[in-house]
N, C-alpha and C. Protein backbone atom coordinates (compact mmCIF):
# COMPACT_ATOMS: atom_id res chain seq x y z
N MET A 1 112.70 73.46 58.36
CA MET A 1 112.80 73.82 56.96
C MET A 1 113.92 73.02 56.29
N LYS A 2 113.59 72.41 55.15
CA LYS A 2 114.57 71.62 54.41
C LYS A 2 115.54 72.55 53.68
N MET A 3 116.82 72.23 53.81
CA MET A 3 117.84 73.05 53.13
C MET A 3 118.22 72.37 51.82
N ASP A 4 118.45 73.18 50.80
CA ASP A 4 118.90 72.66 49.51
C ASP A 4 120.35 72.22 49.60
N ASN A 5 120.71 71.19 48.84
CA ASN A 5 122.10 70.72 48.76
C ASN A 5 122.67 71.11 47.41
N HIS A 6 123.86 71.72 47.44
CA HIS A 6 124.55 72.11 46.23
C HIS A 6 125.97 71.55 46.30
N ARG A 7 126.37 70.84 45.26
CA ARG A 7 127.70 70.23 45.23
C ARG A 7 128.58 70.97 44.23
N ILE A 8 129.77 71.36 44.69
CA ILE A 8 130.78 71.97 43.83
C ILE A 8 132.02 71.09 43.92
N GLU A 9 132.59 70.74 42.78
CA GLU A 9 133.86 70.01 42.75
C GLU A 9 134.91 70.92 42.13
N VAL A 10 136.10 70.92 42.72
CA VAL A 10 137.21 71.75 42.25
C VAL A 10 138.37 70.82 41.88
N TRP A 11 138.87 70.98 40.66
CA TRP A 11 139.93 70.12 40.12
C TRP A 11 141.01 70.97 39.47
N TYR A 12 142.25 70.49 39.54
CA TYR A 12 143.32 71.16 38.81
C TYR A 12 143.13 70.92 37.32
N ARG A 13 143.45 71.93 36.55
CA ARG A 13 143.35 71.82 35.09
C ARG A 13 144.38 70.84 34.56
N LYS A 14 144.08 70.33 33.38
CA LYS A 14 145.01 69.42 32.71
C LYS A 14 146.34 70.15 32.52
N ASN A 15 147.43 69.45 32.72
CA ASN A 15 148.79 69.98 32.58
C ASN A 15 149.17 70.98 33.67
N VAL A 16 148.40 71.03 34.76
CA VAL A 16 148.76 71.84 35.93
C VAL A 16 149.12 70.86 37.04
N PHE A 17 150.21 71.13 37.73
CA PHE A 17 150.66 70.26 38.82
C PHE A 17 149.57 70.09 39.87
N ASP A 18 149.28 68.87 40.22
CA ASP A 18 148.26 68.51 41.21
C ASP A 18 148.98 68.03 42.47
N PRO A 19 149.17 68.92 43.46
CA PRO A 19 149.95 68.53 44.64
C PRO A 19 149.31 67.40 45.45
N GLY A 20 147.98 67.28 45.39
CA GLY A 20 147.31 66.23 46.15
C GLY A 20 147.60 64.83 45.65
N SER A 21 147.95 64.72 44.37
CA SER A 21 148.20 63.39 43.82
C SER A 21 149.68 63.02 43.81
N ARG A 22 150.50 64.00 44.12
CA ARG A 22 151.95 63.76 44.08
C ARG A 22 152.33 62.59 45.00
N GLY A 23 152.96 61.63 44.44
CA GLY A 23 153.47 60.51 45.23
C GLY A 23 152.46 59.42 45.55
N LEU A 24 151.17 59.63 45.22
CA LEU A 24 150.18 58.61 45.59
C LEU A 24 150.38 57.30 44.85
N CYS A 25 150.77 57.35 43.59
CA CYS A 25 151.01 56.10 42.85
C CYS A 25 152.12 55.29 43.53
N GLY A 26 153.18 55.98 43.94
CA GLY A 26 154.27 55.31 44.66
C GLY A 26 153.83 54.77 46.00
N ASP A 27 153.01 55.54 46.72
CA ASP A 27 152.49 55.08 48.01
C ASP A 27 151.62 53.84 47.85
N ILE A 28 150.82 53.82 46.78
CA ILE A 28 149.97 52.66 46.51
C ILE A 28 150.83 51.45 46.17
N LEU A 29 151.86 51.65 45.38
CA LEU A 29 152.77 50.56 45.03
C LEU A 29 153.48 50.05 46.29
N ASP A 30 153.83 50.96 47.21
CA ASP A 30 154.46 50.56 48.48
C ASP A 30 153.55 49.65 49.31
N LEU A 31 152.24 49.76 49.10
CA LEU A 31 151.29 48.88 49.80
C LEU A 31 151.26 47.49 49.16
N GLY A 32 151.94 47.33 48.04
CA GLY A 32 151.93 46.05 47.34
C GLY A 32 150.77 45.94 46.35
N ILE A 33 150.15 47.07 46.05
CA ILE A 33 149.01 47.08 45.12
C ILE A 33 149.52 47.59 43.77
N LYS A 34 149.36 46.76 42.75
CA LYS A 34 149.86 47.09 41.43
C LYS A 34 148.71 47.47 40.50
N GLY A 35 149.07 48.13 39.41
CA GLY A 35 148.09 48.42 38.37
C GLY A 35 147.54 49.84 38.38
N ILE A 36 147.97 50.68 39.31
CA ILE A 36 147.50 52.06 39.34
C ILE A 36 148.51 52.91 38.56
N ALA A 37 148.08 53.47 37.45
CA ALA A 37 148.97 54.24 36.59
C ALA A 37 148.98 55.72 36.94
N GLU A 38 147.84 56.23 37.45
CA GLU A 38 147.73 57.66 37.74
C GLU A 38 146.64 57.88 38.77
N VAL A 39 146.81 58.92 39.58
CA VAL A 39 145.79 59.34 40.54
C VAL A 39 145.60 60.83 40.37
N LYS A 40 144.35 61.26 40.31
CA LYS A 40 144.02 62.70 40.30
C LYS A 40 143.17 62.97 41.54
N THR A 41 143.33 64.17 42.11
CA THR A 41 142.57 64.51 43.31
C THR A 41 141.77 65.79 43.09
N GLY A 42 140.60 65.82 43.68
CA GLY A 42 139.75 66.99 43.63
C GLY A 42 139.12 67.24 44.99
N SER A 43 138.60 68.44 45.15
CA SER A 43 137.92 68.81 46.40
C SER A 43 136.43 68.91 46.14
N ILE A 44 135.66 68.42 47.10
CA ILE A 44 134.20 68.50 47.04
C ILE A 44 133.73 69.43 48.14
N PHE A 45 132.80 70.31 47.79
CA PHE A 45 132.16 71.19 48.75
C PHE A 45 130.66 70.96 48.63
N LEU A 46 130.04 70.47 49.70
CA LEU A 46 128.60 70.28 49.74
C LEU A 46 128.03 71.44 50.54
N ILE A 47 127.33 72.33 49.86
CA ILE A 47 126.79 73.53 50.47
C ILE A 47 125.30 73.32 50.70
N GLN A 48 124.89 73.41 51.96
CA GLN A 48 123.47 73.29 52.31
C GLN A 48 122.94 74.67 52.61
N GLY A 49 121.85 75.03 51.96
CA GLY A 49 121.23 76.32 52.20
C GLY A 49 120.63 76.86 50.91
N LYS A 50 119.83 77.89 51.05
CA LYS A 50 119.18 78.53 49.90
C LYS A 50 120.17 79.51 49.27
N ILE A 51 120.52 79.26 48.03
CA ILE A 51 121.44 80.12 47.30
C ILE A 51 121.07 80.09 45.83
N SER A 52 121.10 81.23 45.18
CA SER A 52 120.74 81.32 43.77
C SER A 52 121.84 80.69 42.92
N PRO A 53 121.49 80.32 41.68
CA PRO A 53 122.53 79.80 40.78
C PRO A 53 123.67 80.79 40.58
N SER A 54 123.37 82.09 40.48
CA SER A 54 124.43 83.07 40.31
C SER A 54 125.27 83.20 41.58
N GLY A 55 124.63 83.09 42.74
CA GLY A 55 125.37 83.11 44.00
C GLY A 55 126.29 81.91 44.13
N LEU A 56 125.80 80.76 43.69
CA LEU A 56 126.61 79.54 43.73
C LEU A 56 127.82 79.66 42.80
N GLN A 57 127.61 80.23 41.61
CA GLN A 57 128.72 80.45 40.68
C GLN A 57 129.75 81.41 41.29
N LYS A 58 129.27 82.44 41.97
CA LYS A 58 130.17 83.41 42.61
C LYS A 58 131.01 82.73 43.69
N VAL A 59 130.37 81.89 44.50
CA VAL A 59 131.09 81.17 45.55
C VAL A 59 132.17 80.27 44.93
N ALA A 60 131.79 79.53 43.90
CA ALA A 60 132.75 78.61 43.26
C ALA A 60 133.90 79.39 42.63
N ARG A 61 133.59 80.45 41.90
CA ARG A 61 134.59 81.20 41.15
C ARG A 61 135.50 82.04 42.05
N GLU A 62 134.90 82.70 43.07
CA GLU A 62 135.67 83.66 43.86
C GLU A 62 136.20 83.11 45.18
N LEU A 63 135.65 81.99 45.64
CA LEU A 63 136.06 81.47 46.94
C LEU A 63 136.71 80.09 46.87
N LEU A 64 136.12 79.18 46.12
CA LEU A 64 136.54 77.79 46.20
C LEU A 64 137.63 77.39 45.20
N ALA A 65 137.63 77.98 44.02
CA ALA A 65 138.57 77.58 42.97
C ALA A 65 139.58 78.69 42.68
N ASP A 66 140.80 78.30 42.38
CA ASP A 66 141.82 79.23 41.92
C ASP A 66 141.59 79.44 40.42
N PRO A 67 141.27 80.66 39.99
CA PRO A 67 140.92 80.87 38.59
C PRO A 67 142.07 80.63 37.60
N VAL A 68 143.28 80.59 38.08
CA VAL A 68 144.43 80.38 37.20
C VAL A 68 144.71 78.90 36.98
N THR A 69 144.55 78.09 38.03
CA THR A 69 144.99 76.69 37.94
C THR A 69 143.87 75.66 38.04
N GLN A 70 142.67 76.08 38.43
CA GLN A 70 141.61 75.11 38.70
C GLN A 70 140.33 75.40 37.94
N ASP A 71 139.56 74.35 37.73
CA ASP A 71 138.21 74.42 37.18
C ASP A 71 137.25 73.92 38.23
N PHE A 72 136.00 74.36 38.15
CA PHE A 72 135.00 73.85 39.07
C PHE A 72 133.81 73.31 38.29
N TYR A 73 133.12 72.41 38.93
CA TYR A 73 131.94 71.78 38.35
C TYR A 73 130.80 71.93 39.35
N SER A 74 129.64 72.35 38.86
CA SER A 74 128.45 72.34 39.70
C SER A 74 127.84 70.96 39.57
N GLY A 75 127.60 70.32 40.69
CA GLY A 75 127.15 68.94 40.67
C GLY A 75 128.34 68.01 40.69
N LYS A 76 128.09 66.76 40.40
CA LYS A 76 129.16 65.77 40.42
C LYS A 76 129.86 65.73 39.07
N ARG A 77 131.18 65.87 39.09
CA ARG A 77 131.96 65.79 37.85
C ARG A 77 131.77 64.40 37.26
N PRO A 78 131.47 64.33 35.97
CA PRO A 78 131.31 63.01 35.34
C PRO A 78 132.58 62.17 35.50
N LEU A 79 132.39 60.90 35.67
CA LEU A 79 133.53 59.99 35.84
C LEU A 79 134.23 59.81 34.49
N PRO A 80 135.50 60.19 34.41
CA PRO A 80 136.22 60.00 33.15
C PRO A 80 136.37 58.52 32.80
N ARG A 81 136.48 58.26 31.53
CA ARG A 81 136.65 56.89 31.04
C ARG A 81 137.89 56.27 31.68
N GLY A 82 137.74 55.06 32.17
CA GLY A 82 138.87 54.32 32.72
C GLY A 82 139.20 54.66 34.17
N ALA A 83 138.41 55.50 34.80
CA ALA A 83 138.70 55.91 36.18
C ALA A 83 137.74 55.24 37.16
N VAL A 84 138.24 55.02 38.37
CA VAL A 84 137.42 54.59 39.49
C VAL A 84 137.46 55.73 40.50
N SER A 85 136.30 56.10 41.01
CA SER A 85 136.19 57.24 41.93
C SER A 85 136.11 56.77 43.38
N VAL A 86 136.88 57.45 44.24
CA VAL A 86 136.81 57.22 45.69
C VAL A 86 136.59 58.58 46.34
N GLU A 87 135.50 58.71 47.11
CA GLU A 87 135.23 59.93 47.86
C GLU A 87 135.50 59.67 49.33
N VAL A 88 136.23 60.59 49.97
CA VAL A 88 136.56 60.47 51.39
C VAL A 88 135.94 61.66 52.12
N TRP A 89 134.99 61.35 53.01
CA TRP A 89 134.22 62.35 53.77
C TRP A 89 134.52 62.22 55.26
N PHE A 90 134.36 63.32 55.97
CA PHE A 90 134.44 63.26 57.43
C PHE A 90 133.19 62.59 57.96
N LYS A 91 133.34 61.83 59.03
CA LYS A 91 132.19 61.23 59.69
C LYS A 91 131.38 62.30 60.40
N GLU A 92 130.11 62.00 60.63
CA GLU A 92 129.22 62.90 61.36
C GLU A 92 129.83 63.25 62.71
N GLY A 93 129.83 64.53 63.03
CA GLY A 93 130.34 64.97 64.33
C GLY A 93 131.81 65.35 64.34
N VAL A 94 132.55 65.04 63.27
CA VAL A 94 133.96 65.40 63.20
C VAL A 94 134.06 66.84 62.67
N THR A 95 134.89 67.65 63.30
CA THR A 95 135.04 69.04 62.88
C THR A 95 135.66 69.11 61.49
N ASP A 96 135.02 69.88 60.62
CA ASP A 96 135.48 70.09 59.25
C ASP A 96 135.90 71.56 59.15
N THR A 97 137.18 71.84 59.45
CA THR A 97 137.64 73.23 59.50
C THR A 97 137.59 73.91 58.14
N VAL A 98 137.84 73.17 57.07
CA VAL A 98 137.76 73.77 55.73
C VAL A 98 136.31 74.15 55.44
N GLY A 99 135.38 73.30 55.83
CA GLY A 99 133.96 73.61 55.65
C GLY A 99 133.54 74.83 56.45
N GLU A 100 134.02 74.92 57.69
CA GLU A 100 133.70 76.08 58.52
C GLU A 100 134.26 77.36 57.91
N THR A 101 135.47 77.30 57.37
CA THR A 101 136.07 78.46 56.73
C THR A 101 135.28 78.86 55.48
N ALA A 102 134.82 77.87 54.72
CA ALA A 102 134.02 78.16 53.52
C ALA A 102 132.69 78.83 53.91
N GLU A 103 132.08 78.38 55.02
CA GLU A 103 130.84 79.01 55.49
C GLU A 103 131.07 80.50 55.74
N LYS A 104 132.17 80.82 56.43
CA LYS A 104 132.49 82.22 56.71
C LYS A 104 132.77 82.97 55.41
N GLY A 105 133.46 82.33 54.49
CA GLY A 105 133.77 82.96 53.20
C GLY A 105 132.52 83.30 52.41
N ILE A 106 131.51 82.45 52.45
CA ILE A 106 130.26 82.72 51.75
C ILE A 106 129.63 83.99 52.30
N THR A 107 129.61 84.11 53.62
CA THR A 107 129.08 85.31 54.26
C THR A 107 129.91 86.53 53.89
N ASP A 108 131.24 86.39 53.88
CA ASP A 108 132.14 87.49 53.54
C ASP A 108 131.94 87.95 52.09
N LEU A 109 131.46 87.06 51.22
CA LEU A 109 131.17 87.45 49.84
C LEU A 109 129.88 88.26 49.72
N GLY A 110 129.17 88.39 50.85
CA GLY A 110 127.93 89.16 50.86
C GLY A 110 126.70 88.37 50.48
N ILE A 111 126.80 87.05 50.52
CA ILE A 111 125.66 86.20 50.19
C ILE A 111 124.88 85.94 51.48
N ALA A 112 123.64 86.39 51.49
CA ALA A 112 122.81 86.28 52.69
C ALA A 112 122.24 84.88 52.84
N GLY A 113 122.09 84.46 54.08
CA GLY A 113 121.47 83.18 54.36
C GLY A 113 122.26 82.40 55.38
N LYS A 114 121.72 81.27 55.73
CA LYS A 114 122.36 80.34 56.67
C LYS A 114 122.87 79.17 55.85
N PHE A 115 124.17 78.87 56.00
CA PHE A 115 124.77 77.81 55.21
C PHE A 115 125.55 76.84 56.09
N ALA A 116 125.57 75.60 55.66
CA ALA A 116 126.44 74.59 56.26
C ALA A 116 127.25 74.00 55.11
N VAL A 117 128.55 73.88 55.31
CA VAL A 117 129.42 73.37 54.25
C VAL A 117 130.18 72.15 54.77
N SER A 118 130.09 71.06 54.02
CA SER A 118 130.87 69.84 54.30
C SER A 118 131.86 69.68 53.15
N THR A 119 133.05 69.18 53.48
CA THR A 119 134.05 68.99 52.44
C THR A 119 134.51 67.54 52.38
N ALA A 120 135.04 67.19 51.22
CA ALA A 120 135.57 65.84 51.01
C ALA A 120 136.66 65.92 49.96
N ARG A 121 137.38 64.82 49.83
CA ARG A 121 138.35 64.67 48.75
C ARG A 121 137.80 63.60 47.81
N ARG A 122 137.99 63.82 46.52
CA ARG A 122 137.63 62.81 45.53
C ARG A 122 138.89 62.41 44.80
N TYR A 123 139.13 61.12 44.76
CA TYR A 123 140.30 60.57 44.09
C TYR A 123 139.83 59.81 42.86
N LEU A 124 140.48 60.05 41.73
CA LEU A 124 140.23 59.28 40.52
C LEU A 124 141.44 58.39 40.30
N LEU A 125 141.21 57.09 40.36
CA LEU A 125 142.26 56.09 40.18
C LEU A 125 142.20 55.59 38.74
N TYR A 126 143.32 55.66 38.06
CA TYR A 126 143.41 55.19 36.67
C TYR A 126 144.36 54.00 36.61
N GLY A 127 144.00 53.05 35.79
CA GLY A 127 144.85 51.88 35.59
C GLY A 127 144.03 50.79 34.93
N LYS A 128 144.66 49.63 34.85
CA LYS A 128 143.97 48.50 34.21
C LYS A 128 143.30 47.64 35.26
N ASN A 129 142.05 47.31 34.99
CA ASN A 129 141.30 46.37 35.82
C ASN A 129 141.30 46.74 37.30
N ILE A 130 140.93 47.98 37.60
CA ILE A 130 140.83 48.39 39.00
C ILE A 130 139.45 47.97 39.51
N SER A 131 139.45 46.97 40.35
CA SER A 131 138.19 46.49 40.90
C SER A 131 137.76 47.35 42.08
N LYS A 132 136.49 47.22 42.47
CA LYS A 132 136.01 47.93 43.65
C LYS A 132 136.76 47.45 44.89
N LYS A 133 137.10 46.18 44.92
CA LYS A 133 137.85 45.64 46.06
C LYS A 133 139.23 46.28 46.16
N LYS A 134 139.91 46.43 45.02
CA LYS A 134 141.22 47.06 45.02
C LYS A 134 141.11 48.53 45.43
N ALA A 135 140.10 49.22 44.92
CA ALA A 135 139.89 50.63 45.27
C ALA A 135 139.58 50.76 46.77
N ALA A 136 138.78 49.85 47.31
CA ALA A 136 138.45 49.89 48.74
C ALA A 136 139.69 49.60 49.59
N ASP A 137 140.55 48.72 49.12
CA ASP A 137 141.80 48.43 49.83
C ASP A 137 142.68 49.67 49.88
N ILE A 138 142.79 50.37 48.75
CA ILE A 138 143.58 51.61 48.70
C ILE A 138 142.96 52.67 49.61
N ALA A 139 141.66 52.81 49.55
CA ALA A 139 140.96 53.82 50.37
C ALA A 139 141.15 53.52 51.85
N GLY A 140 140.94 52.29 52.25
CA GLY A 140 141.03 51.92 53.66
C GLY A 140 142.43 51.97 54.23
N ARG A 141 143.42 51.71 53.39
CA ARG A 141 144.80 51.66 53.88
C ARG A 141 145.58 52.96 53.68
N LEU A 142 145.12 53.83 52.76
CA LEU A 142 145.93 55.00 52.42
C LEU A 142 145.15 56.32 52.39
N LEU A 143 143.98 56.32 51.80
CA LEU A 143 143.29 57.58 51.52
C LEU A 143 142.44 58.10 52.67
N ALA A 144 141.90 57.20 53.47
CA ALA A 144 140.99 57.61 54.55
C ALA A 144 141.53 57.17 55.91
N ASN A 145 141.33 58.01 56.90
CA ASN A 145 141.58 57.65 58.29
C ASN A 145 140.22 57.22 58.83
N GLU A 146 140.00 55.92 58.92
CA GLU A 146 138.66 55.41 59.23
C GLU A 146 138.18 55.74 60.64
N VAL A 147 139.03 56.31 61.48
CA VAL A 147 138.58 56.77 62.79
C VAL A 147 137.70 58.00 62.62
N ILE A 148 138.07 58.89 61.67
CA ILE A 148 137.35 60.14 61.52
C ILE A 148 136.71 60.31 60.13
N GLN A 149 137.01 59.39 59.22
CA GLN A 149 136.51 59.53 57.85
C GLN A 149 135.84 58.25 57.36
N THR A 150 135.04 58.42 56.35
CA THR A 150 134.42 57.30 55.67
C THR A 150 134.66 57.48 54.18
N TYR A 151 134.60 56.39 53.43
CA TYR A 151 134.83 56.51 51.99
C TYR A 151 133.74 55.80 51.23
N LYS A 152 133.58 56.26 49.98
CA LYS A 152 132.58 55.68 49.09
C LYS A 152 133.24 55.47 47.72
N ILE A 153 133.12 54.26 47.20
CA ILE A 153 133.68 53.92 45.89
C ILE A 153 132.63 54.21 44.82
């Protein structure tokens, strides 16, 4: 039986401290890569399984996002103007403990069914003339551990 795929992205609200991006601009500059003015980070949850739209909203609102500091998007968050997106996913077969915890949380919310949850980080790089090559250099050298993760620009 084919399972449905549902994507939820969780991001810190504007003017709320984003701990995932703290220091990344400096780390990128330390690599000798110039031109990155800002980095924002978000979490991706790919939920496989049959779940109603209201059930998906409940999972996003009550389990995945902090209602005070974060917003969530069903589907892929549109790419903001001037940003380059880098997604970092675990490779097949690597244990995703956050995903496993989310699976248990869905059940704890009383949502019936069988679910598999994969997680990733999404980085939005802002700056002037950020090429795919520059983004791949940053991803390969800083954002992803290529032994256990893969990235997509």
